[in-house]
Amino acid sequence: PHSNSARLLHPDKLGGRFAGAKEAFQALVRAFETLTAPPVQDAGGGRGKGKTPKPLARSNENCFRTRVRCPRCEGVWGTPDSGLQPYEYSFLMQGLRSYTCCGCLFSFGVMSAHHHCPLCQARIDYHPSEFHNQKLCGSCDGVFGFKLYPVGPRIEAALREEVLSRQKARQQARQAQATRL
């Protein structure tokens, strides 16, 4: 459903026929990102007072930093000249943060980005729930995982705080809009 709507609303498809095509397309992308983003727990992980969450431990065996492209201009995301840290890949792939393309200034997240198999470069479907799993490529039958980059505790705490504040702001906006109706 999202891809059909995206094809219909894409500014390149509509050309000059609809002045608000870019804004409509970006609203659709934001809505899709909001609806499909994985739930984020608070830093306490729902546990009792004074307990800290255990860090996720997994192997990076057979895991790669897959190629991610902007859905609008197909520019490669996260190139060395972009100024992004390696752990930003983990944030994007887990659906924790959206980014702006350096080429076309389009804002996108993991669900709207184009993902490619690290073995054959064929385009693949991806969902943040697959980040900690091995995936089978339908084109080359290769099996691979997604690289998890280490993140320092201060950076992780700041990200958690940012995600929680964004979620609270969205919830407050939805509640305010519901009271107006």
Protein backbone atom coordinates (compact mmCIF):
# COMPACT_ATOMS: atom_id res chain seq x y z
CA PRO A 1 0.00 0.00 0.00
CA HIS A 2 2.78 2.46 0.88
CA SER A 3 4.74 1.85 -2.32
CA ASN A 4 1.62 2.33 -4.48
CA SER A 5 0.83 5.63 -2.75
CA ALA A 6 4.47 6.66 -2.99
CA ARG A 7 4.47 6.02 -6.74
CA LEU A 8 1.33 8.07 -7.18
CA LEU A 9 2.53 11.00 -5.06
CA HIS A 10 6.20 11.08 -6.07
CA PRO A 11 7.13 14.62 -7.21
CA ASP A 12 9.06 13.30 -10.20
CA LYS A 13 5.94 11.47 -11.44
CA LEU A 14 3.61 14.44 -10.90
CA GLY A 15 5.93 17.02 -12.41
CA GLY A 16 4.38 20.48 -12.29
CA ARG A 17 0.78 19.24 -12.17
CA PHE A 18 0.54 19.45 -8.38
CA ALA A 19 2.28 22.28 -6.52
CA GLY A 20 2.29 20.47 -3.17
CA ALA A 21 3.67 17.16 -4.50
CA LYS A 22 6.94 17.34 -2.57
CA GLU A 23 5.21 18.14 0.74
CA ALA A 24 2.57 15.43 0.18
CA PHE A 25 5.24 12.84 -0.60
CA GLN A 26 7.30 13.78 2.46
CA ALA A 27 4.18 13.61 4.66
CA LEU A 28 3.51 10.11 3.31
CA VAL A 29 7.10 9.05 4.07
CA ARG A 30 6.90 10.49 7.61
CA ALA A 31 3.58 8.72 8.20
CA PHE A 32 4.98 5.41 7.00
CA GLU A 33 8.10 5.82 9.17
CA THR A 34 5.92 6.61 12.21
CA LEU A 35 3.60 3.66 11.67
CA THR A 36 6.34 1.11 11.06
CA ALA A 37 8.99 2.29 13.55
CA PRO A 38 9.81 -0.32 16.19
CA PRO A 39 8.73 0.55 19.74
CA VAL A 40 11.41 2.08 21.93
CA GLN A 41 11.53 1.48 25.66
CA ASP A 42 12.78 3.99 28.16
CA ALA A 43 16.37 3.79 29.39
CA GLY A 44 15.26 1.79 32.45
CA GLY A 45 13.85 -0.93 30.25
CA GLY A 46 10.74 -1.12 32.45
CA ARG A 47 12.70 -2.63 35.32
CA GLY A 48 12.82 -1.65 38.98
CA LYS A 49 14.61 1.36 40.37
CA GLY A 50 18.40 1.36 40.16
CA LYS A 51 18.66 -1.41 37.57
CA THR A 52 20.30 -0.67 34.25
CA PRO A 53 19.46 -2.45 31.02
CA LYS A 54 21.88 -5.08 29.82
CA PRO A 55 23.56 -4.16 26.53
CA LEU A 56 22.63 -6.26 23.56
CA ALA A 57 25.36 -8.72 22.76
CA ARG A 58 25.60 -10.39 19.39
CA SER A 59 28.24 -11.41 16.94
CA ASN A 60 29.07 -9.50 13.78
CA GLU A 61 30.01 -12.77 12.09
CA ASN A 62 28.87 -12.78 8.45
CA CYS A 63 27.53 -9.24 8.96
CA PHE A 64 28.10 -6.38 6.55
CA ARG A 65 27.43 -2.69 6.28
CA THR A 66 24.90 -2.96 3.50
CA ARG A 67 24.56 -0.24 0.87
CA VAL A 68 21.73 2.16 1.67
CA ARG A 69 20.49 4.65 -0.93
CA CYS A 70 18.29 7.73 -0.83
CA PRO A 71 14.79 6.85 -2.10
CA ARG A 72 14.60 10.06 -4.11
CA CYS A 73 17.94 10.48 -5.90
CA GLU A 74 19.47 7.00 -5.31
CA GLY A 75 22.55 8.66 -3.78
CA VAL A 76 24.58 6.36 -1.51
CA TRP A 77 23.98 7.15 2.16
CA GLY A 78 26.75 7.31 4.76
CA THR A 79 29.77 7.79 2.52
CA PRO A 80 33.04 8.74 4.30
CA ASP A 81 32.71 12.37 3.19
CA SER A 82 29.23 12.70 4.74
CA GLY A 83 30.60 13.30 8.24
CA LEU A 84 28.56 10.49 9.80
CA GLN A 85 30.04 8.20 12.42
CA PRO A 86 29.99 4.43 11.76
CA TYR A 87 27.42 3.84 14.53
CA GLU A 88 24.95 6.05 12.63
CA TYR A 89 24.41 3.01 10.37
CA SER A 90 23.15 1.03 13.38
CA PHE A 91 20.82 3.89 14.33
CA LEU A 92 19.37 4.08 10.81
CA MET A 93 18.99 0.32 10.38
CA GLN A 94 17.18 -0.04 13.71
CA GLY A 95 14.75 2.72 12.74
CA LEU A 96 15.91 5.01 15.54
CA ARG A 97 16.78 8.04 13.46
CA SER A 98 16.02 9.63 10.10
CA TYR A 99 18.62 11.36 7.96
CA THR A 100 18.82 13.94 5.19
CA CYS A 101 20.38 13.05 1.85
CA CYS A 102 23.53 15.06 1.07
CA GLY A 103 22.63 15.13 -2.63
CA CYS A 104 18.97 16.14 -2.80
CA LEU A 105 18.25 17.18 0.82
CA PHE A 106 15.41 14.65 1.08
CA SER A 107 14.66 13.45 4.61
CA PHE A 108 14.23 9.67 4.89
CA GLY A 109 14.44 6.78 7.31
CA VAL A 110 15.09 3.06 7.17
CA MET A 111 11.67 2.09 5.81
CA SER A 112 11.77 4.39 2.80
CA ALA A 113 15.49 3.96 2.04
CA HIS A 114 16.60 1.57 -0.71
CA HIS A 115 18.67 -1.34 0.63
CA HIS A 116 21.06 -3.57 -1.33
CA CYS A 117 22.52 -7.03 -0.80
CA PRO A 118 26.21 -6.75 0.16
CA LEU A 119 27.03 -9.84 -1.90
CA CYS A 120 25.38 -9.10 -5.26
CA GLN A 121 24.17 -5.47 -4.86
CA ALA A 122 20.57 -6.45 -5.76
CA ARG A 123 17.87 -4.38 -4.10
CA ILE A 124 16.35 -6.08 -1.06
CA ASP A 125 13.36 -5.47 1.20
CA TYR A 126 14.26 -4.55 4.76
CA HIS A 127 12.48 -3.96 8.08
CA PRO A 128 14.14 -2.87 11.35
CA SER A 129 13.02 -6.12 13.00
CA GLU A 130 15.54 -7.92 10.73
CA PHE A 131 18.57 -6.00 12.05
CA HIS A 132 19.70 -8.73 14.45
CA ASN A 133 18.98 -11.63 12.07
CA GLN A 134 20.66 -13.22 9.08
CA LYS A 135 18.86 -12.54 5.78
CA LEU A 136 18.60 -14.59 2.60
CA CYS A 137 19.00 -12.64 -0.66
CA GLY A 138 16.41 -13.65 -3.23
CA SER A 139 18.77 -12.83 -6.11
CA CYS A 140 22.02 -14.59 -5.21
CA ASP A 141 20.82 -16.93 -2.41
CA GLY A 142 23.55 -15.47 -0.20
CA VAL A 143 23.03 -15.24 3.54
CA PHE A 144 24.23 -12.17 5.43
CA GLY A 145 23.58 -10.04 8.49
CA PHE A 146 23.70 -6.34 9.26
CA LYS A 147 26.76 -4.94 11.03
CA LEU A 148 26.24 -3.62 14.55
CA TYR A 149 28.67 -0.84 15.41
CA PRO A 150 29.60 -0.22 19.05
CA VAL A 151 28.22 2.93 20.64
CA GLY A 152 29.49 4.63 23.78
CA PRO A 153 27.11 4.88 26.74
CA ARG A 154 26.80 8.69 26.56
CA ILE A 155 25.90 8.60 22.87
CA GLU A 156 23.40 5.79 23.44
CA ALA A 157 21.80 7.65 26.37
CA ALA A 158 21.53 10.83 24.28
CA LEU A 159 19.92 8.88 21.43
CA ARG A 160 17.42 7.24 23.78
CA GLU A 161 16.51 10.65 25.20
CA GLU A 162 16.12 12.09 21.70
CA VAL A 163 13.90 9.20 20.56
CA LEU A 164 11.74 9.38 23.69
CA SER A 165 11.27 13.15 23.39
CA ARG A 166 10.36 12.77 19.71
CA GLN A 167 7.82 10.06 20.60
CA LYS A 168 6.32 12.21 23.37
CA ALA A 169 6.04 15.20 21.01
CA ARG A 170 4.29 13.07 18.39
CA GLN A 171 1.92 11.64 20.99
CA GLN A 172 1.08 15.12 22.29
CA ALA A 173 0.47 16.35 18.74
CA ARG A 174 -1.87 13.40 18.07
CA GLN A 175 -3.73 14.03 21.33
CA ALA A 176 -4.07 17.74 20.55
CA GLN A 177 -5.41 16.96 17.10
CA ALA A 178 -7.84 14.38 18.52
CA THR A 179 -9.26 16.95 20.96
CA ARG A 180 -9.83 19.41 18.10
CA LEU A 181 -11.93 16.84 16.23
